[in-house]
N, C-alpha and C. Protein backbone atom coordinates (compact mmCIF):
# COMPACT_ATOMS: atom_id res chain seq x y z
N MET A 1 119.12 68.25 136.81
CA MET A 1 117.89 69.33 137.11
C MET A 1 116.84 69.44 136.60
N THR A 2 116.90 68.95 135.15
CA THR A 2 115.90 68.99 133.91
C THR A 2 114.38 68.61 134.32
N LYS A 3 114.31 67.24 135.17
CA LYS A 3 113.05 66.53 135.60
C LYS A 3 112.37 67.67 136.60
N LEU A 4 113.33 67.67 137.52
CA LEU A 4 112.69 68.58 138.68
C LEU A 4 112.19 70.41 138.63
N ILE A 5 113.18 70.70 137.51
CA ILE A 5 112.46 71.98 136.74
C ILE A 5 111.32 71.52 136.21
N GLU A 6 111.07 70.77 135.47
CA GLU A 6 110.03 70.57 134.44
C GLU A 6 108.74 70.39 135.23
N GLU A 7 108.88 69.74 136.27
CA GLU A 7 108.00 69.29 137.21
C GLU A 7 107.60 70.62 137.81
N ILE A 8 108.58 71.34 138.28
CA ILE A 8 108.02 72.49 139.08
C ILE A 8 107.42 73.75 138.15
N ALA A 9 107.71 73.62 137.02
CA ALA A 9 107.12 74.55 135.82
C ALA A 9 105.82 74.37 135.71
N GLY A 10 105.51 73.10 135.40
CA GLY A 10 104.18 72.33 135.36
C GLY A 10 103.25 73.02 136.31
N GLU A 11 103.74 72.76 137.38
CA GLU A 11 102.77 73.24 138.87
C GLU A 11 102.80 74.52 138.99
N LEU A 12 103.47 75.63 138.39
CA LEU A 12 103.18 76.67 138.54
C LEU A 12 102.62 77.45 137.49
N VAL A 13 102.47 76.83 136.49
CA VAL A 13 101.37 77.19 135.14
C VAL A 13 100.41 76.66 135.61
N ALA A 14 100.05 75.67 136.18
CA ALA A 14 98.53 75.28 136.61
C ALA A 14 98.13 76.00 137.53
N LYS A 15 99.14 76.53 138.46
CA LYS A 15 98.68 77.39 139.45
C LYS A 15 98.29 78.82 138.71
N ALA A 16 99.13 79.40 138.07
CA ALA A 16 98.90 80.65 137.40
C ALA A 16 97.53 80.74 136.84
N SER A 17 97.30 79.43 135.86
CA SER A 17 95.81 79.58 135.13
C SER A 17 94.91 79.56 136.06
N ARG A 18 94.90 79.55 137.23
CA ARG A 18 93.73 79.54 137.99
C ARG A 18 93.45 80.93 138.84
N LYS A 19 94.49 81.85 138.32
CA LYS A 19 94.44 83.32 138.69
C LYS A 19 94.41 84.19 137.56
N ASP A 20 93.70 85.48 137.96
CA ASP A 20 93.34 86.50 136.76
C ASP A 20 94.18 87.56 136.74
N LYS A 21 95.36 87.14 137.70
CA LYS A 21 96.37 88.36 137.67
C LYS A 21 97.60 87.27 137.79
N PRO A 22 98.90 88.32 137.83
CA PRO A 22 100.32 87.48 137.69
C PRO A 22 100.54 86.68 138.97
N LEU A 23 101.04 85.66 138.71
CA LEU A 23 101.41 84.39 140.13
C LEU A 23 102.70 85.18 140.40
N ARG A 24 102.76 85.47 141.49
CA ARG A 24 104.07 86.14 142.14
C ARG A 24 104.80 84.86 143.10
N VAL A 25 105.95 84.42 142.42
CA VAL A 25 106.65 83.50 143.00
C VAL A 25 108.11 83.90 143.65
N GLY A 26 108.16 83.48 144.74
CA GLY A 26 109.58 83.79 145.82
C GLY A 26 110.62 82.83 145.71
N ILE A 27 111.91 82.64 145.40
CA ILE A 27 112.75 82.39 145.18
C ILE A 27 113.66 82.24 146.37
N ASP A 28 113.86 81.74 147.38
CA ASP A 28 114.42 82.12 148.39
C ASP A 28 115.83 81.00 148.62
N GLY A 29 116.98 81.77 149.42
CA GLY A 29 117.92 80.56 149.71
C GLY A 29 119.32 81.57 150.70
N MET A 30 119.89 81.27 151.25
CA MET A 30 121.29 81.97 151.19
C MET A 30 122.07 82.34 150.07
N SER A 31 122.89 83.19 150.58
CA SER A 31 123.87 83.79 149.49
C SER A 31 124.78 82.34 148.53
N CYS A 32 124.87 82.20 147.48
CA CYS A 32 125.54 81.07 146.60
C CYS A 32 124.43 79.76 146.67
N ALA A 33 123.11 79.80 146.87
CA ALA A 33 122.34 78.83 147.23
C ALA A 33 122.04 78.13 145.57
N GLY A 34 122.39 78.97 144.68
CA GLY A 34 121.92 78.75 143.36
C GLY A 34 120.82 79.28 142.71
N LYS A 35 120.05 80.08 143.37
CA LYS A 35 118.69 80.68 143.25
C LYS A 35 118.87 81.62 141.44
N THR A 36 119.73 82.15 141.27
CA THR A 36 119.73 82.77 140.03
C THR A 36 119.50 81.89 138.80
N THR A 37 120.56 80.41 138.69
CA THR A 37 120.73 79.80 137.98
C THR A 37 118.96 78.85 137.86
N PHE A 38 118.94 78.85 139.01
CA PHE A 38 117.56 77.79 139.15
C PHE A 38 116.34 78.66 138.71
N ALA A 39 116.17 80.01 138.85
CA ALA A 39 114.98 80.49 138.66
C ALA A 39 115.31 81.13 137.20
N ASP A 40 116.40 81.36 136.32
CA ASP A 40 116.33 81.34 135.12
C ASP A 40 116.34 79.95 134.28
N ARG A 41 116.71 78.60 134.88
CA ARG A 41 116.28 77.74 134.05
C ARG A 41 114.77 77.03 134.08
N LEU A 42 114.08 77.71 135.56
CA LEU A 42 113.02 77.54 135.42
C LEU A 42 112.11 78.73 134.66
N GLY A 43 112.33 79.62 134.40
CA GLY A 43 111.70 80.49 133.46
C GLY A 43 111.87 80.08 131.89
N GLU A 44 112.98 79.56 131.47
CA GLU A 44 113.34 78.83 130.33
C GLU A 44 112.15 77.79 130.02
N VAL A 45 111.88 76.80 130.97
CA VAL A 45 110.86 75.89 130.69
C VAL A 45 109.39 76.18 130.53
N ILE A 46 109.50 77.22 131.46
CA ILE A 46 108.00 77.46 131.20
C ILE A 46 107.59 78.44 130.19
N ARG A 47 108.74 79.25 129.49
CA ARG A 47 108.35 80.11 128.13
C ARG A 47 108.12 78.95 127.21
N THR A 48 108.77 77.89 127.01
CA THR A 48 108.89 76.92 126.36
C THR A 48 107.35 76.06 126.27
N ARG A 49 106.92 75.80 127.95
CA ARG A 49 105.55 75.05 127.79
C ARG A 49 104.14 75.69 127.98
N SER A 50 104.03 77.36 127.66
CA SER A 50 103.05 77.73 127.99
C SER A 50 103.17 79.32 127.27
N ASP A 51 102.31 79.91 127.29
CA ASP A 51 102.44 81.44 126.47
C ASP A 51 102.49 82.42 127.81
N TYR A 52 102.59 82.24 129.10
CA TYR A 52 102.92 82.88 129.71
C TYR A 52 104.38 83.73 129.82
N ARG A 53 104.29 85.11 130.19
CA ARG A 53 105.59 85.86 129.99
C ARG A 53 106.30 85.87 131.54
N ILE A 54 107.63 85.56 131.52
CA ILE A 54 108.30 85.58 132.71
C ILE A 54 109.01 86.87 133.12
N LEU A 55 108.96 87.39 134.29
CA LEU A 55 109.07 88.46 134.87
C LEU A 55 110.27 88.27 135.99
N ARG A 56 111.67 88.50 135.47
CA ARG A 56 112.91 87.92 136.26
C ARG A 56 113.65 89.01 137.07
N PRO A 57 113.29 89.61 137.93
CA PRO A 57 114.15 90.24 138.85
C PRO A 57 114.75 89.78 140.08
N SER A 58 115.45 90.35 140.49
CA SER A 58 116.19 90.19 141.71
C SER A 58 116.18 91.02 143.00
N VAL A 59 116.46 90.22 144.05
CA VAL A 59 116.51 91.40 145.48
C VAL A 59 117.73 92.29 145.00
N ASP A 60 118.61 91.62 144.28
CA ASP A 60 119.83 92.44 144.25
C ASP A 60 119.60 93.76 143.55
N GLY A 61 118.55 94.06 142.59
CA GLY A 61 118.43 95.27 142.17
C GLY A 61 117.77 96.47 142.85
N PHE A 62 117.36 96.27 144.38
CA PHE A 62 116.78 96.76 145.17
C PHE A 62 117.57 96.99 146.44
N HIS A 63 118.65 97.12 146.23
CA HIS A 63 119.68 97.33 147.48
C HIS A 63 119.62 98.98 147.95
N ARG A 64 119.98 99.11 149.09
CA ARG A 64 119.99 100.60 149.37
C ARG A 64 121.36 101.13 149.31
N PRO A 65 121.28 102.20 149.53
CA PRO A 65 122.96 103.04 149.33
C PRO A 65 123.78 102.43 150.41
N ARG A 66 124.99 102.52 149.89
CA ARG A 66 126.22 101.81 150.50
C ARG A 66 126.14 102.39 151.92
N SER A 67 126.04 103.77 151.85
CA SER A 67 126.11 104.40 153.44
C SER A 67 124.99 103.84 154.47
N GLU A 68 123.80 103.70 153.79
CA GLU A 68 122.62 102.73 154.86
C GLU A 68 123.47 101.26 155.11
N ARG A 69 123.68 100.68 154.21
CA ARG A 69 123.93 99.02 154.08
C ARG A 69 124.84 98.92 155.40
N TYR A 70 125.76 99.86 155.16
CA TYR A 70 126.87 99.71 156.11
C TYR A 70 126.86 100.41 157.48
N ARG A 71 125.89 101.18 157.80
CA ARG A 71 126.00 101.90 158.69
C ARG A 71 125.94 101.15 160.23
N GLN A 72 125.91 100.06 160.18
CA GLN A 72 126.09 99.30 161.49
C GLN A 72 127.48 98.22 161.49
N GLY A 73 128.18 98.94 160.11
CA GLY A 73 129.53 98.12 160.02
C GLY A 73 129.77 97.04 158.61
N GLU A 74 130.72 97.11 158.20
CA GLU A 74 130.88 96.47 156.66
C GLU A 74 130.73 94.89 157.11
N TYR A 75 131.01 94.52 158.30
CA TYR A 75 130.81 93.10 158.43
C TYR A 75 129.79 92.51 159.49
N SER A 76 129.01 93.74 159.77
CA SER A 76 128.08 93.27 160.60
C SER A 76 126.69 92.11 159.93
N ALA A 77 126.49 91.03 160.52
CA ALA A 77 125.50 90.19 160.11
C ALA A 77 124.07 91.05 160.47
N LYS A 78 123.78 91.65 161.87
CA LYS A 78 122.63 92.40 162.10
C LYS A 78 122.13 93.43 161.01
N GLY A 79 123.28 94.08 160.60
CA GLY A 79 123.45 95.27 159.74
C GLY A 79 122.68 94.75 158.21
N TYR A 80 123.66 93.54 157.77
CA TYR A 80 122.99 93.23 156.72
C TYR A 80 121.72 92.67 156.81
N TYR A 81 120.97 91.83 157.62
CA TYR A 81 119.49 91.35 157.82
C TYR A 81 118.77 92.69 157.84
N GLU A 82 119.23 93.73 158.65
CA GLU A 82 118.26 95.12 158.87
C GLU A 82 118.51 96.36 157.68
N ASP A 83 119.55 96.29 157.01
CA ASP A 83 119.75 97.54 156.06
C ASP A 83 120.14 97.21 154.80
N THR A 84 120.15 96.18 154.50
CA THR A 84 120.89 96.03 153.07
C THR A 84 119.84 96.20 152.01
N PHE A 85 118.44 95.71 151.89
CA PHE A 85 117.10 95.99 150.80
C PHE A 85 116.29 97.12 151.11
N ASP A 86 115.77 97.50 150.06
CA ASP A 86 114.59 98.33 150.35
C ASP A 86 113.20 97.58 149.87
N TYR A 87 112.87 97.17 151.07
CA TYR A 87 111.91 96.37 150.52
C TYR A 87 110.52 97.23 150.60
N ASP A 88 110.50 98.60 150.97
CA ASP A 88 109.41 99.44 150.62
C ASP A 88 109.21 99.47 149.12
N ALA A 89 110.40 99.54 148.31
CA ALA A 89 110.41 99.73 147.00
C ALA A 89 109.73 98.57 146.46
N ILE A 90 110.23 97.08 146.80
CA ILE A 90 109.98 95.99 146.36
C ILE A 90 108.53 95.87 146.60
N ARG A 91 107.60 96.03 147.62
CA ARG A 91 106.31 96.34 147.33
C ARG A 91 105.64 97.31 146.81
N ALA A 92 105.80 98.45 146.66
CA ALA A 92 105.33 99.43 146.33
C ALA A 92 105.30 99.36 144.57
N ARG A 93 106.30 99.19 144.49
CA ARG A 93 106.78 99.46 142.80
C ARG A 93 106.86 98.33 142.14
N LEU A 94 106.89 96.89 142.95
CA LEU A 94 106.77 95.82 141.99
C LEU A 94 105.38 94.67 142.63
N LEU A 95 105.67 94.31 143.76
CA LEU A 95 104.48 93.41 144.36
C LEU A 95 103.18 93.87 144.15
N GLU A 96 102.79 95.14 144.52
CA GLU A 96 101.60 95.63 144.44
C GLU A 96 101.17 95.78 143.44
N PRO A 97 101.81 96.47 142.52
CA PRO A 97 101.47 96.60 140.96
C PRO A 97 100.66 95.18 140.50
N LEU A 98 101.45 94.29 140.85
CA LEU A 98 101.24 92.93 140.04
C LEU A 98 99.88 92.45 140.93
N ASN A 99 99.46 92.77 141.79
CA ASN A 99 98.47 92.12 142.44
C ASN A 99 96.94 93.33 142.13
N GLY A 100 97.36 94.37 141.19
CA GLY A 100 95.97 94.99 140.77
C GLY A 100 95.13 94.47 140.00
N ASP A 101 94.23 95.16 139.31
CA ASP A 101 93.19 94.66 138.55
C ASP A 101 93.12 94.80 137.08
N THR A 102 93.76 96.06 136.58
CA THR A 102 94.37 96.37 135.30
C THR A 102 95.38 96.24 134.85
N PHE A 103 95.46 95.83 133.35
CA PHE A 103 96.86 95.03 133.11
C PHE A 103 97.12 95.44 131.24
N PRO A 104 97.52 95.67 130.66
CA PRO A 104 99.10 95.98 131.32
C PRO A 104 99.64 96.91 132.44
N VAL A 105 100.36 96.72 133.58
CA VAL A 105 100.68 97.35 134.59
C VAL A 105 102.09 97.88 134.22
N ARG A 106 102.61 98.89 134.80
CA ARG A 106 103.92 99.17 134.76
C ARG A 106 104.50 99.07 136.16
N CYS A 107 105.46 98.33 136.23
CA CYS A 107 106.52 98.10 137.45
C CYS A 107 107.79 98.18 137.46
N LEU A 108 108.57 98.45 138.60
CA LEU A 108 110.16 98.19 138.40
C LEU A 108 110.81 96.72 138.71
N GLN A 109 111.47 96.52 137.74
CA GLN A 109 112.58 95.24 137.52
C GLN A 109 113.76 95.56 138.72
N ALA A 110 114.15 96.76 139.06
CA ALA A 110 114.98 97.40 139.83
C ALA A 110 114.97 98.43 140.08
N SER A 111 115.74 99.17 140.96
CA SER A 111 115.46 100.33 141.55
C SER A 111 117.02 101.17 141.80
N PHE A 112 117.89 100.40 142.18
CA PHE A 112 119.21 100.69 142.37
C PHE A 112 120.11 99.52 142.10
N ASP A 113 121.35 100.49 141.43
CA ASP A 113 122.65 99.74 140.97
C ASP A 113 123.89 99.83 142.04
N TYR A 114 123.84 98.57 143.01
CA TYR A 114 124.72 98.86 143.88
C TYR A 114 126.12 98.63 143.91
N ARG A 115 126.22 98.24 142.41
CA ARG A 115 127.83 98.30 142.07
C ARG A 115 128.56 99.71 141.62
N VAL A 116 127.70 100.34 141.56
CA VAL A 116 128.05 101.77 141.11
C VAL A 116 127.24 102.88 142.57
N ASP A 117 126.49 102.51 143.20
CA ASP A 117 125.90 102.92 144.18
C ASP A 117 125.26 104.41 143.62
N ARG A 118 124.15 104.15 142.91
CA ARG A 118 122.90 105.16 142.52
C ARG A 118 121.79 104.27 142.04
N PRO A 119 120.76 105.48 142.16
CA PRO A 119 119.58 104.70 141.64
C PRO A 119 119.66 104.60 140.16
N ALA A 120 119.00 103.29 139.80
CA ALA A 120 118.90 102.85 138.56
C ALA A 120 117.62 102.36 138.04
N GLU A 121 116.47 102.98 138.23
CA GLU A 121 115.14 102.57 137.56
C GLU A 121 115.04 101.46 136.47
N GLU A 122 114.80 100.55 136.59
CA GLU A 122 114.27 99.66 135.46
C GLU A 122 112.70 99.24 135.19
N ALA A 123 112.10 100.27 134.46
CA ALA A 123 110.47 99.57 134.68
C ALA A 123 110.16 98.96 133.45
N VAL A 124 109.10 98.28 133.47
CA VAL A 124 108.74 97.05 132.24
C VAL A 124 107.33 97.28 132.39
N GLU A 125 106.27 96.92 131.16
CA GLU A 125 105.04 96.92 131.20
C GLU A 125 104.48 95.33 131.53
N VAL A 126 103.77 95.09 132.10
CA VAL A 126 103.81 93.72 132.72
C VAL A 126 102.24 93.46 132.17
N PRO A 127 101.88 92.41 131.20
CA PRO A 127 100.47 91.93 131.04
C PRO A 127 100.18 91.30 131.86
N ARG A 128 98.69 90.87 132.16
CA ARG A 128 98.12 89.78 132.92
C ARG A 128 98.83 88.47 133.03
N ARG A 129 99.06 87.69 131.77
CA ARG A 129 99.16 86.36 131.86
C ARG A 129 100.99 86.44 131.84
N THR A 130 101.45 87.07 133.41
CA THR A 130 102.96 86.79 133.70
C THR A 130 102.91 85.71 134.94
N ILE A 131 103.99 85.42 134.59
CA ILE A 131 104.97 84.63 136.16
C ILE A 131 106.11 85.20 136.66
N LEU A 132 105.78 85.83 137.82
CA LEU A 132 106.90 86.55 138.15
C LEU A 132 107.86 85.44 139.27
N LEU A 133 108.97 85.39 138.71
CA LEU A 133 109.96 84.61 139.40
C LEU A 133 111.08 85.70 140.06
N PHE A 134 111.05 85.89 141.46
CA PHE A 134 111.78 87.05 142.09
C PHE A 134 112.31 86.14 142.72
N GLU A 135 113.87 86.09 142.84
CA GLU A 135 114.61 85.58 143.40
C GLU A 135 115.77 86.54 144.45
N GLY A 136 116.18 85.87 145.53
CA GLY A 136 116.83 86.63 146.61
C GLY A 136 116.62 86.02 147.91
N VAL A 137 117.98 86.57 148.57
CA VAL A 137 118.10 86.20 150.06
C VAL A 137 117.24 86.64 151.01
N SER A 138 116.46 86.06 152.12
CA SER A 138 115.38 86.20 153.13
C SER A 138 114.17 86.98 152.29
N LEU A 139 113.49 86.24 151.43
CA LEU A 139 112.10 86.78 150.86
C LEU A 139 110.99 86.63 151.78
N PHE A 140 111.00 85.37 152.68
CA PHE A 140 109.89 85.06 153.59
C PHE A 140 110.22 86.04 154.82
N ARG A 141 110.29 86.96 154.83
CA ARG A 141 110.62 87.77 156.32
C ARG A 141 109.35 88.71 156.16
N PRO A 142 109.22 89.11 157.29
CA PRO A 142 107.26 89.73 157.28
C PRO A 142 107.12 90.71 156.24
N GLU A 143 108.40 91.74 155.82
CA GLU A 143 108.16 92.71 155.36
C GLU A 143 107.43 92.31 153.73
N LEU A 144 107.82 91.20 153.30
CA LEU A 144 107.37 90.45 152.11
C LEU A 144 106.83 89.28 152.00
N ASP A 145 106.31 88.31 153.11
CA ASP A 145 106.11 87.31 152.72
C ASP A 145 104.37 87.19 152.28
N SER A 146 103.71 87.93 152.99
CA SER A 146 102.09 87.67 152.50
C SER A 146 102.12 88.08 151.00
N TRP A 147 102.65 88.34 150.04
CA TRP A 147 102.90 88.82 148.74
C TRP A 147 103.14 87.80 147.65
N TRP A 148 103.37 86.77 148.07
CA TRP A 148 103.65 85.66 147.64
C TRP A 148 102.86 84.62 147.49
N ASP A 149 102.69 84.44 146.19
CA ASP A 149 101.67 83.33 145.87
C ASP A 149 102.21 81.73 146.00
N GLU A 150 103.42 81.90 145.57
CA GLU A 150 104.21 80.33 145.72
C GLU A 150 105.74 80.68 146.11
N ARG A 151 106.06 79.97 146.92
CA ARG A 151 107.31 79.93 147.97
C ARG A 151 108.27 79.00 147.74
N ILE A 152 109.43 79.10 147.37
CA ILE A 152 110.39 77.88 146.85
C ILE A 152 111.71 78.33 147.68
N LEU A 153 112.40 77.42 148.20
CA LEU A 153 113.40 77.44 149.22
C LEU A 153 114.67 76.57 148.63
N LEU A 154 115.85 77.03 148.32
CA LEU A 154 116.99 76.06 147.81
C LEU A 154 117.84 76.23 149.20
N ARG A 155 118.25 75.31 149.44
CA ARG A 155 118.68 74.94 150.83
C ARG A 155 120.13 74.32 150.32
N ILE A 156 121.36 74.61 151.18
CA ILE A 156 122.81 74.33 151.19
C ILE A 156 123.23 74.36 152.71
N SER A 157 124.59 74.11 152.66
CA SER A 157 124.81 74.36 154.15
C SER A 157 126.15 75.65 153.79
N PHE A 158 126.34 76.34 155.09
CA PHE A 158 126.95 77.14 155.06
C PHE A 158 128.40 76.83 154.36
N GLU A 159 129.13 75.47 154.76
CA GLU A 159 130.01 75.42 154.19
C GLU A 159 130.37 75.30 152.43
N THR A 160 129.26 74.66 152.10
CA THR A 160 128.74 74.74 150.56
C THR A 160 129.00 76.22 150.01
N ALA A 161 128.35 77.03 150.97
CA ALA A 161 128.21 78.42 150.37
C ALA A 161 129.62 79.42 150.35
N ILE A 162 130.64 78.80 151.37
CA ILE A 162 131.71 79.48 151.23
C ILE A 162 132.47 78.82 150.19
N ILE A 163 132.47 77.77 149.75
CA ILE A 163 133.06 77.00 148.57
C ILE A 163 132.81 77.52 147.48
N ARG A 164 131.37 77.88 147.33
CA ARG A 164 130.94 78.35 145.99
C ARG A 164 131.28 80.15 145.79
N ALA A 165 131.55 80.44 147.20
CA ALA A 165 131.70 81.89 147.28
C ALA A 165 133.17 82.17 146.93
N LEU A 166 134.19 81.53 147.23
CA LEU A 166 135.64 81.46 146.70
C LEU A 166 135.52 81.49 145.35
N LYS A 167 135.01 80.55 144.60
CA LYS A 167 134.92 80.66 143.33
C LYS A 167 134.26 81.83 142.39
N ARG A 168 133.21 82.26 142.96
CA ARG A 168 132.13 83.14 142.34
C ARG A 168 132.58 84.66 142.84
N ASP A 169 132.84 85.18 143.59
CA ASP A 169 132.63 86.29 144.35
C ASP A 169 133.96 87.10 144.64
N GLN A 170 135.29 86.37 143.55
CA GLN A 170 136.65 87.47 143.29
C GLN A 170 136.39 88.91 142.97
N GLU A 171 135.60 88.71 141.67
CA GLU A 171 135.69 89.98 141.28
C GLU A 171 134.55 91.28 142.21
N LEU A 172 133.93 90.87 142.90
CA LEU A 172 133.14 91.78 143.58
C LEU A 172 133.86 91.97 144.95
N LEU A 173 134.24 90.73 145.72
CA LEU A 173 135.14 91.13 147.07
C LEU A 173 136.32 91.22 147.03
N GLY A 174 137.02 90.75 146.01
CA GLY A 174 138.50 90.57 146.32
C GLY A 174 139.19 89.29 146.60
N SER A 175 139.84 89.48 147.40
CA SER A 175 140.44 88.64 147.97
C SER A 175 139.71 87.30 148.58
N ALA A 176 140.38 86.08 148.70
CA ALA A 176 139.82 85.05 149.66
C ALA A 176 139.70 85.34 151.06
N GLN A 177 140.22 86.18 151.42
CA GLN A 177 140.59 86.34 153.07
C GLN A 177 139.37 87.44 153.14
N ASN A 178 138.92 88.46 152.20
CA ASN A 178 137.68 89.32 152.60
C ASN A 178 136.62 88.44 152.11
N ILE A 179 136.69 87.74 151.11
CA ILE A 179 135.27 86.81 150.94
C ILE A 179 135.07 85.92 152.37
N LEU A 180 136.13 85.20 152.85
CA LEU A 180 135.87 84.75 154.03
C LEU A 180 135.40 85.42 155.20
N ALA A 181 135.97 86.48 154.90
CA ALA A 181 135.45 87.58 156.41
C ALA A 181 134.24 87.71 155.94
N LYS A 182 133.36 88.23 154.83
CA LYS A 182 132.40 88.50 154.50
C LYS A 182 130.97 87.48 154.56
N TYR A 183 131.53 86.16 154.42
CA TYR A 183 130.64 85.26 154.90
C TYR A 183 130.36 84.60 156.10
N GLU A 184 131.79 84.53 156.69
CA GLU A 184 131.77 84.08 157.97
C GLU A 184 131.20 85.16 159.34
N ARG A 185 131.42 86.00 158.90
CA ARG A 185 131.27 87.41 159.94
C ARG A 185 129.77 88.03 159.64
N ARG A 186 129.43 87.84 158.33
CA ARG A 186 128.01 89.14 157.80
C ARG A 186 126.90 88.24 157.05
N TYR A 187 127.09 87.45 156.04
CA TYR A 187 126.06 86.64 155.33
C TYR A 187 125.96 85.47 155.83
N ASN A 188 126.56 84.87 156.27
CA ASN A 188 126.00 83.48 157.03
C ASN A 188 125.34 83.81 158.13
N PRO A 189 125.92 84.28 159.28
CA PRO A 189 125.16 84.96 160.47
C PRO A 189 123.91 85.39 160.22
N ALA A 190 123.85 86.44 159.23
CA ALA A 190 122.79 87.08 158.75
C ALA A 190 121.39 86.23 158.61
N TRP A 191 122.00 84.97 157.86
CA TRP A 191 120.81 83.74 157.35
C TRP A 191 120.34 83.27 158.55
N GLU A 192 121.45 82.84 159.85
CA GLU A 192 121.05 82.65 160.59
C GLU A 192 119.91 83.46 161.69
N ILE A 193 120.07 84.67 161.59
CA ILE A 193 119.35 85.42 162.23
C ILE A 193 117.57 85.63 161.44
N TYR A 194 117.77 85.51 160.22
CA TYR A 194 116.61 85.28 159.39
C TYR A 194 115.89 83.67 159.46
N GLU A 195 116.81 82.34 159.90
CA GLU A 195 115.93 81.50 160.01
C GLU A 195 115.26 81.52 161.64
N ARG A 196 115.91 82.31 162.48
CA ARG A 196 115.40 82.50 163.95
C ARG A 196 114.05 83.29 163.66
N LEU A 197 113.87 84.39 162.93
CA LEU A 197 113.04 85.10 163.18
C LEU A 197 111.80 84.92 162.47
N ALA A 198 112.01 84.14 161.01
CA ALA A 198 111.34 84.14 160.16
C ALA A 198 110.93 82.82 159.94
N ASN A 199 111.77 81.64 160.05
CA ASN A 199 111.76 80.12 160.16
C ASN A 199 111.22 79.91 158.70
N PRO A 200 112.16 80.29 157.54
CA PRO A 200 111.69 79.95 156.04
C PRO A 200 111.43 78.79 155.54
N GLU A 201 111.86 77.81 156.21
CA GLU A 201 111.70 76.33 155.38
C GLU A 201 110.29 76.11 156.08
N ALA A 202 109.80 76.45 157.32
CA ALA A 202 108.36 76.33 157.45
C ALA A 202 106.93 76.67 156.56
N LYS A 203 107.60 77.82 156.08
CA LYS A 203 106.95 78.98 154.98
C LYS A 203 106.70 78.39 153.55
N ALA A 204 107.68 77.72 153.24
CA ALA A 204 108.24 77.41 151.82
C ALA A 204 106.88 76.11 151.45
N ASP A 205 106.44 76.44 150.41
CA ASP A 205 105.88 75.64 149.59
C ASP A 205 106.50 74.21 149.03
N ILE A 206 107.78 74.82 148.57
CA ILE A 206 108.67 73.60 147.84
C ILE A 206 110.34 74.08 148.30
N VAL A 207 110.55 72.79 149.12
CA VAL A 207 111.94 72.77 149.49
C VAL A 207 112.83 71.83 148.78
N ILE A 208 114.03 72.78 148.10
CA ILE A 208 115.05 72.06 147.60
C ILE A 208 116.16 71.65 147.98
N ASP A 209 116.91 70.65 147.85
CA ASP A 209 118.39 70.51 148.78
C ASP A 209 119.28 70.80 147.31
N ASN A 210 119.93 71.73 147.51
CA ASN A 210 120.75 72.13 146.23
C ASN A 210 122.22 72.08 146.39
N GLU A 211 122.51 71.02 147.58
CA GLU A 211 124.02 71.07 147.57
C GLU A 211 124.69 70.55 146.41
N ARG A 212 123.96 69.54 145.69
CA ARG A 212 124.54 69.17 144.45
C ARG A 212 123.69 69.61 143.28
N PRO A 213 123.78 71.11 142.31
CA PRO A 213 123.31 71.70 141.98
C PRO A 213 122.57 70.79 140.26
N ASP A 214 123.34 69.49 139.86
CA ASP A 214 123.49 68.99 138.90
C ASP A 214 122.24 67.94 139.38
N ARG A 215 122.15 67.51 140.75
CA ARG A 215 121.12 66.52 141.28
C ARG A 215 120.40 67.19 142.33
N PRO A 216 119.39 68.28 142.23
CA PRO A 216 118.71 69.03 143.40
C PRO A 216 117.68 67.62 143.65
N ARG A 217 117.42 67.86 145.05
CA ARG A 217 116.38 66.96 145.46
C ARG A 217 115.33 67.56 145.96
N ARG A 218 114.32 67.38 145.78
CA ARG A 218 112.99 67.93 146.29
C ARG A 218 112.45 67.45 147.51
N ILE A 219 112.26 68.20 148.77
CA ILE A 219 112.03 67.72 149.98
C ILE A 219 110.53 68.24 150.36
N ALA A 220 110.33 67.42 151.19
CA ALA A 220 108.70 67.50 151.36
C ALA A 220 108.73 68.79 152.18
N ALA A 221 107.79 69.86 151.88
CA ALA A 221 107.81 71.13 152.91
C ALA A 221 106.83 71.07 153.68
């Protein structure tokens, strides 16, 4: 992964140097695509190669309350796509401030802690020379797509997502039976809805096959 990460880091630093405000990068992919690890490693390389500050929030910090997330049913794919995240907060409290003219600017890295189901605002002062690496599912949907300066999509199969989830999500989701139900009925079908409505691969500037995270492959976007 190191060579690919270094290549992309160089491209992002070069693009950021041509802006007079933070570079906003959206790192998209289905659940278990490897977005968090990829974004963390990318941020580490950028820090070592430049003087840019890295801002590393996640869509997971912008959940809606549980009562709203599950209003269409705990296993509803449509409900996951429509009701899970607070896109108004992401735009108004993070992306819009980073697109202003005055820096440093105060913005949110998170607005809600879904594990305890209550608001948990995490604010930060952001200088002009900053690269935002924002990762999460379904980031190129209409509510957010126009706000990204660079779009990176990590691609894996549904089968790989389930294999990884069975190892990763036991603490969060419990039994293997519940994990399978969530992915087969809610998360993976919601991604199919997203692909049908938003066509994220066509919007991506960089597409990465991350079936093998030790050997990711860059695909022509």
